[in-house]
Amino acid sequence: MTCPSCKNENLTRADYKGIQLDYCPTCYGVWFDRDELRRVKDKEDEFLRWIDFDPWEDETKFQISKANRICPACEVPLYEVKYDDFDARPRRVSLGLKIDLCNVCHGIWLDKGEFDKII
């Protein structure tokens, strides 16, 4: 798989608490297949379940723009979505970060440091 950020053609598979993730050894971005971000977050801290969100639940609630990046899984353009646009029940997430989503496979690309901001 090719890195959407730096175009490195060798994403590396790694085990994170029992979940297989793909990351770029050059820029340290991470690819999360559908539902993996939620699963990894829950393994990191089970009390973080309040920040769960489903970006596909109501597409009218967020603004998207083409990200000039290609999905490493299905090779279609990714969309940049403001993470702040989601209501995480019972609190509102306010992180000031954007994530890259694939509207085909529903994977998520996080650049280096973005997962730490979510956590």
N, C-alpha and C. Protein backbone atom coordinates (compact mmCIF):
# COMPACT_ATOMS: atom_id res chain seq x y z
N MET A 1 0.85 -1.17 0.00
CA MET A 1 0.00 0.00 0.00
C MET A 1 0.90 1.24 0.00
N THR A 2 0.42 2.28 -0.66
CA THR A 2 1.17 3.52 -0.78
C THR A 2 0.69 4.55 0.25
N CYS A 3 1.64 5.22 0.88
CA CYS A 3 1.32 6.24 1.87
C CYS A 3 0.63 7.42 1.20
N PRO A 4 -0.54 7.85 1.69
CA PRO A 4 -1.23 8.99 1.10
C PRO A 4 -0.50 10.31 1.31
N SER A 5 0.37 10.36 2.31
CA SER A 5 1.04 11.61 2.65
C SER A 5 2.36 11.80 1.91
N CYS A 6 3.29 10.87 2.11
CA CYS A 6 4.62 11.05 1.52
C CYS A 6 4.87 10.18 0.30
N LYS A 7 3.89 9.38 -0.07
CA LYS A 7 3.93 8.52 -1.26
C LYS A 7 4.89 7.35 -1.14
N ASN A 8 5.38 7.04 0.07
CA ASN A 8 6.19 5.86 0.29
C ASN A 8 5.34 4.66 -0.09
N GLU A 9 5.88 3.77 -0.90
CA GLU A 9 5.10 2.63 -1.39
C GLU A 9 5.17 1.41 -0.49
N ASN A 10 5.67 1.58 0.71
CA ASN A 10 5.83 0.43 1.58
C ASN A 10 5.25 0.67 2.96
N LEU A 11 3.92 0.77 3.06
CA LEU A 11 3.33 0.84 4.39
C LEU A 11 3.67 -0.46 5.10
N THR A 12 3.98 -0.34 6.38
CA THR A 12 4.39 -1.49 7.18
C THR A 12 3.26 -1.89 8.10
N ARG A 13 3.05 -3.17 8.23
CA ARG A 13 2.00 -3.69 9.11
C ARG A 13 2.60 -3.89 10.49
N ALA A 14 1.85 -3.45 11.51
CA ALA A 14 2.30 -3.60 12.89
C ALA A 14 1.12 -3.98 13.76
N ASP A 15 1.41 -4.70 14.82
CA ASP A 15 0.39 -5.10 15.77
C ASP A 15 0.33 -4.05 16.88
N TYR A 16 -0.85 -3.51 17.11
CA TYR A 16 -1.05 -2.57 18.21
C TYR A 16 -2.14 -3.13 19.11
N LYS A 17 -1.73 -3.70 20.21
CA LYS A 17 -2.66 -4.27 21.18
C LYS A 17 -3.64 -5.25 20.54
N GLY A 18 -3.10 -6.07 19.65
CA GLY A 18 -3.90 -7.11 19.01
C GLY A 18 -4.61 -6.69 17.74
N ILE A 19 -4.43 -5.45 17.30
CA ILE A 19 -5.06 -4.96 16.08
C ILE A 19 -3.97 -4.67 15.06
N GLN A 20 -4.11 -5.21 13.86
CA GLN A 20 -3.13 -5.02 12.80
C GLN A 20 -3.37 -3.69 12.09
N LEU A 21 -2.40 -2.79 12.16
CA LEU A 21 -2.48 -1.48 11.52
C LEU A 21 -1.39 -1.34 10.49
N ASP A 22 -1.59 -0.45 9.52
CA ASP A 22 -0.58 -0.14 8.52
C ASP A 22 -0.08 1.28 8.80
N TYR A 23 1.25 1.43 8.85
CA TYR A 23 1.81 2.76 9.09
C TYR A 23 2.95 3.01 8.12
N CYS A 24 3.28 4.28 7.95
CA CYS A 24 4.36 4.67 7.06
C CYS A 24 5.64 4.82 7.87
N PRO A 25 6.69 4.06 7.56
CA PRO A 25 7.93 4.18 8.31
C PRO A 25 8.70 5.47 8.00
N THR A 26 8.24 6.22 7.01
CA THR A 26 8.91 7.48 6.65
C THR A 26 8.29 8.67 7.38
N CYS A 27 6.95 8.84 7.27
CA CYS A 27 6.30 10.01 7.88
C CYS A 27 5.52 9.66 9.15
N TYR A 28 5.40 8.37 9.47
CA TYR A 28 4.73 7.86 10.66
C TYR A 28 3.23 8.11 10.69
N GLY A 29 2.61 8.30 9.53
CA GLY A 29 1.17 8.32 9.45
C GLY A 29 0.63 6.91 9.62
N VAL A 30 -0.65 6.79 9.99
CA VAL A 30 -1.25 5.48 10.24
C VAL A 30 -2.55 5.34 9.48
N TRP A 31 -2.74 4.18 8.82
CA TRP A 31 -3.97 3.85 8.13
C TRP A 31 -4.81 2.94 9.01
N PHE A 32 -6.06 3.35 9.25
CA PHE A 32 -7.02 2.57 10.01
C PHE A 32 -8.10 2.07 9.06
N ASP A 33 -8.21 0.76 8.91
CA ASP A 33 -9.32 0.22 8.14
C ASP A 33 -10.61 0.52 8.90
N ARG A 34 -11.72 0.30 8.22
CA ARG A 34 -13.03 0.60 8.82
C ARG A 34 -13.12 0.06 10.24
N ASP A 35 -13.47 0.91 11.18
CA ASP A 35 -13.73 0.58 12.58
C ASP A 35 -12.46 0.37 13.42
N GLU A 36 -11.28 0.35 12.79
CA GLU A 36 -10.07 0.11 13.56
C GLU A 36 -9.71 1.28 14.48
N LEU A 37 -9.98 2.51 14.08
CA LEU A 37 -9.66 3.64 14.95
C LEU A 37 -10.44 3.54 16.25
N ARG A 38 -11.70 3.23 16.18
CA ARG A 38 -12.52 3.07 17.39
C ARG A 38 -11.98 1.93 18.25
N ARG A 39 -11.63 0.80 17.61
CA ARG A 39 -11.14 -0.35 18.36
C ARG A 39 -9.80 -0.06 19.05
N VAL A 40 -8.91 0.63 18.35
CA VAL A 40 -7.61 0.97 18.93
C VAL A 40 -7.79 1.95 20.08
N LYS A 41 -8.63 2.95 19.88
CA LYS A 41 -8.90 3.94 20.92
C LYS A 41 -9.46 3.25 22.16
N ASP A 42 -10.38 2.32 21.97
CA ASP A 42 -10.97 1.61 23.10
C ASP A 42 -9.94 0.74 23.83
N LYS A 43 -8.99 0.18 23.09
CA LYS A 43 -7.93 -0.61 23.72
C LYS A 43 -6.97 0.28 24.49
N GLU A 44 -6.76 1.50 23.98
CA GLU A 44 -5.86 2.45 24.65
C GLU A 44 -6.42 2.85 26.01
N ASP A 45 -7.71 3.13 26.04
CA ASP A 45 -8.34 3.55 27.29
C ASP A 45 -9.84 3.32 27.15
N GLU A 46 -10.36 2.34 27.87
CA GLU A 46 -11.78 2.00 27.73
C GLU A 46 -12.70 3.14 28.14
N PHE A 47 -12.19 4.09 28.91
CA PHE A 47 -13.01 5.22 29.33
C PHE A 47 -13.12 6.30 28.26
N LEU A 48 -12.44 6.11 27.13
CA LEU A 48 -12.52 7.08 26.03
C LEU A 48 -13.70 6.80 25.11
N ARG A 49 -14.57 5.92 25.48
CA ARG A 49 -15.71 5.60 24.62
C ARG A 49 -16.60 6.81 24.36
N TRP A 50 -16.54 7.84 25.20
CA TRP A 50 -17.34 9.04 24.99
C TRP A 50 -16.94 9.79 23.73
N ILE A 51 -15.74 9.54 23.18
CA ILE A 51 -15.37 10.26 21.95
C ILE A 51 -15.70 9.45 20.70
N ASP A 52 -16.46 8.37 20.85
CA ASP A 52 -16.87 7.61 19.67
C ASP A 52 -17.72 8.47 18.76
N PHE A 53 -17.52 8.30 17.48
CA PHE A 53 -18.34 8.98 16.49
C PHE A 53 -18.37 8.13 15.25
N ASP A 54 -19.38 8.32 14.46
CA ASP A 54 -19.49 7.66 13.17
C ASP A 54 -19.58 8.74 12.11
N PRO A 55 -18.48 9.02 11.40
CA PRO A 55 -18.50 10.11 10.43
C PRO A 55 -19.48 9.88 9.29
N TRP A 56 -19.96 8.68 9.12
CA TRP A 56 -20.88 8.39 8.02
C TRP A 56 -22.33 8.41 8.47
N GLU A 57 -22.57 8.62 9.77
CA GLU A 57 -23.92 8.59 10.31
C GLU A 57 -24.81 9.68 9.71
N ASP A 58 -24.31 10.90 9.64
CA ASP A 58 -25.08 12.02 9.09
C ASP A 58 -24.12 12.93 8.34
N GLU A 59 -23.99 12.70 7.05
CA GLU A 59 -23.02 13.44 6.24
C GLU A 59 -23.34 14.92 6.13
N THR A 60 -24.56 15.35 6.52
CA THR A 60 -24.89 16.77 6.45
C THR A 60 -24.27 17.55 7.61
N LYS A 61 -23.75 16.85 8.62
CA LYS A 61 -23.20 17.52 9.80
C LYS A 61 -21.73 17.88 9.68
N PHE A 62 -21.10 17.55 8.57
CA PHE A 62 -19.69 17.90 8.47
C PHE A 62 -19.37 18.42 7.08
N GLN A 63 -18.29 19.21 7.04
CA GLN A 63 -17.82 19.75 5.76
C GLN A 63 -16.66 18.89 5.29
N ILE A 64 -16.70 18.55 4.02
CA ILE A 64 -15.62 17.76 3.46
C ILE A 64 -15.00 18.52 2.30
N SER A 65 -13.76 18.19 2.05
CA SER A 65 -13.07 18.72 0.88
C SER A 65 -12.09 17.66 0.40
N LYS A 66 -11.80 17.65 -0.88
CA LYS A 66 -10.83 16.68 -1.38
C LYS A 66 -9.49 16.97 -0.75
N ALA A 67 -8.78 15.92 -0.39
CA ALA A 67 -7.56 16.07 0.39
C ALA A 67 -6.29 16.00 -0.45
N ASN A 68 -6.40 15.82 -1.74
CA ASN A 68 -5.22 15.64 -2.59
C ASN A 68 -4.38 14.45 -2.13
N ARG A 69 -5.06 13.47 -1.58
CA ARG A 69 -4.42 12.23 -1.15
C ARG A 69 -5.23 11.07 -1.68
N ILE A 70 -4.56 9.94 -1.85
CA ILE A 70 -5.21 8.75 -2.40
C ILE A 70 -5.31 7.68 -1.31
N CYS A 71 -6.46 7.02 -1.25
CA CYS A 71 -6.68 5.94 -0.29
C CYS A 71 -5.68 4.82 -0.56
N PRO A 72 -4.94 4.40 0.46
CA PRO A 72 -3.99 3.31 0.25
C PRO A 72 -4.66 1.96 0.02
N ALA A 73 -5.90 1.81 0.43
CA ALA A 73 -6.59 0.53 0.29
C ALA A 73 -7.29 0.39 -1.06
N CYS A 74 -8.00 1.43 -1.51
CA CYS A 74 -8.78 1.28 -2.75
C CYS A 74 -8.41 2.30 -3.82
N GLU A 75 -7.41 3.13 -3.55
CA GLU A 75 -6.83 4.02 -4.54
C GLU A 75 -7.81 5.02 -5.16
N VAL A 76 -8.72 5.54 -4.34
CA VAL A 76 -9.61 6.62 -4.75
C VAL A 76 -9.23 7.85 -3.91
N PRO A 77 -9.64 9.05 -4.33
CA PRO A 77 -9.30 10.23 -3.54
C PRO A 77 -9.89 10.19 -2.13
N LEU A 78 -9.08 10.62 -1.17
CA LEU A 78 -9.55 10.76 0.20
C LEU A 78 -10.22 12.12 0.36
N TYR A 79 -11.03 12.25 1.38
CA TYR A 79 -11.67 13.51 1.72
C TYR A 79 -11.18 13.97 3.08
N GLU A 80 -10.93 15.26 3.20
CA GLU A 80 -10.51 15.85 4.46
C GLU A 80 -11.75 16.29 5.21
N VAL A 81 -11.85 15.88 6.47
CA VAL A 81 -13.01 16.18 7.29
C VAL A 81 -12.54 16.78 8.60
N LYS A 82 -13.18 17.85 9.03
CA LYS A 82 -12.86 18.45 10.33
C LYS A 82 -13.40 17.54 11.42
N TYR A 83 -12.53 17.01 12.24
CA TYR A 83 -12.92 16.11 13.33
C TYR A 83 -13.84 16.82 14.31
N ASP A 84 -13.67 18.12 14.48
CA ASP A 84 -14.50 18.89 15.40
C ASP A 84 -15.97 18.90 15.03
N ASP A 85 -16.31 18.55 13.81
CA ASP A 85 -17.69 18.64 13.35
C ASP A 85 -18.58 17.52 13.88
N PHE A 86 -18.05 16.62 14.65
CA PHE A 86 -18.84 15.50 15.13
C PHE A 86 -19.22 15.71 16.59
N ASP A 87 -20.46 15.42 16.91
CA ASP A 87 -20.89 15.44 18.30
C ASP A 87 -20.57 14.09 18.90
N ALA A 88 -19.68 14.07 19.87
CA ALA A 88 -19.38 12.84 20.59
C ALA A 88 -20.24 12.84 21.84
N ARG A 89 -21.08 11.88 21.95
CA ARG A 89 -22.01 11.86 23.05
C ARG A 89 -21.33 11.39 24.31
N PRO A 90 -21.45 12.03 25.45
CA PRO A 90 -22.30 13.18 25.71
C PRO A 90 -21.59 14.53 25.53
N ARG A 91 -20.34 14.55 25.11
CA ARG A 91 -19.60 15.82 24.99
C ARG A 91 -19.29 16.13 23.53
N ARG A 92 -18.96 17.37 23.27
CA ARG A 92 -18.56 17.79 21.93
C ARG A 92 -17.04 17.72 21.84
N VAL A 93 -16.54 17.06 20.80
CA VAL A 93 -15.10 16.95 20.57
C VAL A 93 -14.61 18.28 20.01
N SER A 94 -13.56 18.83 20.58
CA SER A 94 -13.01 20.08 20.09
C SER A 94 -11.50 19.94 20.02
N LEU A 95 -11.00 19.41 18.91
CA LEU A 95 -9.58 19.10 18.80
C LEU A 95 -8.84 19.98 17.81
N GLY A 96 -9.55 20.66 16.93
CA GLY A 96 -8.89 21.48 15.93
C GLY A 96 -8.06 20.66 14.97
N LEU A 97 -8.51 19.47 14.60
CA LEU A 97 -7.76 18.68 13.66
C LEU A 97 -8.65 18.15 12.56
N LYS A 98 -8.02 17.86 11.43
CA LYS A 98 -8.74 17.30 10.28
C LYS A 98 -8.21 15.90 10.03
N ILE A 99 -9.10 15.02 9.62
CA ILE A 99 -8.71 13.66 9.31
C ILE A 99 -9.06 13.38 7.86
N ASP A 100 -8.40 12.39 7.28
CA ASP A 100 -8.65 12.01 5.89
C ASP A 100 -9.44 10.72 5.88
N LEU A 101 -10.59 10.75 5.18
CA LEU A 101 -11.49 9.61 5.12
C LEU A 101 -11.67 9.12 3.69
N CYS A 102 -11.90 7.83 3.56
CA CYS A 102 -12.24 7.25 2.26
C CYS A 102 -13.74 6.98 2.26
N ASN A 103 -14.45 7.52 1.26
CA ASN A 103 -15.90 7.29 1.23
C ASN A 103 -16.27 5.96 0.58
N VAL A 104 -15.28 5.19 0.16
CA VAL A 104 -15.55 3.86 -0.41
C VAL A 104 -15.38 2.78 0.66
N CYS A 105 -14.18 2.69 1.23
CA CYS A 105 -13.91 1.63 2.22
C CYS A 105 -14.08 2.12 3.66
N HIS A 106 -14.29 3.42 3.86
CA HIS A 106 -14.49 4.05 5.16
C HIS A 106 -13.25 3.93 6.06
N GLY A 107 -12.08 3.83 5.44
CA GLY A 107 -10.83 3.86 6.18
C GLY A 107 -10.49 5.30 6.57
N ILE A 108 -9.55 5.44 7.50
CA ILE A 108 -9.14 6.75 8.01
C ILE A 108 -7.62 6.83 8.02
N TRP A 109 -7.09 7.92 7.48
CA TRP A 109 -5.66 8.19 7.53
C TRP A 109 -5.40 9.28 8.56
N LEU A 110 -4.49 9.00 9.49
CA LEU A 110 -4.08 10.00 10.47
C LEU A 110 -2.60 10.29 10.28
N ASP A 111 -2.27 11.56 10.16
CA ASP A 111 -0.87 11.96 10.09
C ASP A 111 -0.23 11.79 11.47
N LYS A 112 1.09 11.84 11.50
CA LYS A 112 1.84 11.69 12.75
C LYS A 112 1.29 12.67 13.80
N GLY A 113 1.00 12.16 14.97
CA GLY A 113 0.55 12.98 16.09
C GLY A 113 -0.95 13.16 16.19
N GLU A 114 -1.69 12.87 15.12
CA GLU A 114 -3.14 13.07 15.17
C GLU A 114 -3.83 12.06 16.09
N PHE A 115 -3.35 10.82 16.12
CA PHE A 115 -3.96 9.85 17.03
C PHE A 115 -3.78 10.29 18.48
N ASP A 116 -2.60 10.82 18.79
CA ASP A 116 -2.36 11.31 20.15
C ASP A 116 -3.31 12.46 20.51
N LYS A 117 -3.64 13.32 19.56
CA LYS A 117 -4.59 14.39 19.82
C LYS A 117 -5.98 13.83 20.08
N ILE A 118 -6.36 12.78 19.37
CA ILE A 118 -7.67 12.16 19.58
C ILE A 118 -7.73 11.52 20.97
N ILE A 119 -6.66 10.84 21.33
CA ILE A 119 -6.60 10.21 22.66
C ILE A 119 -6.52 11.28 23.72
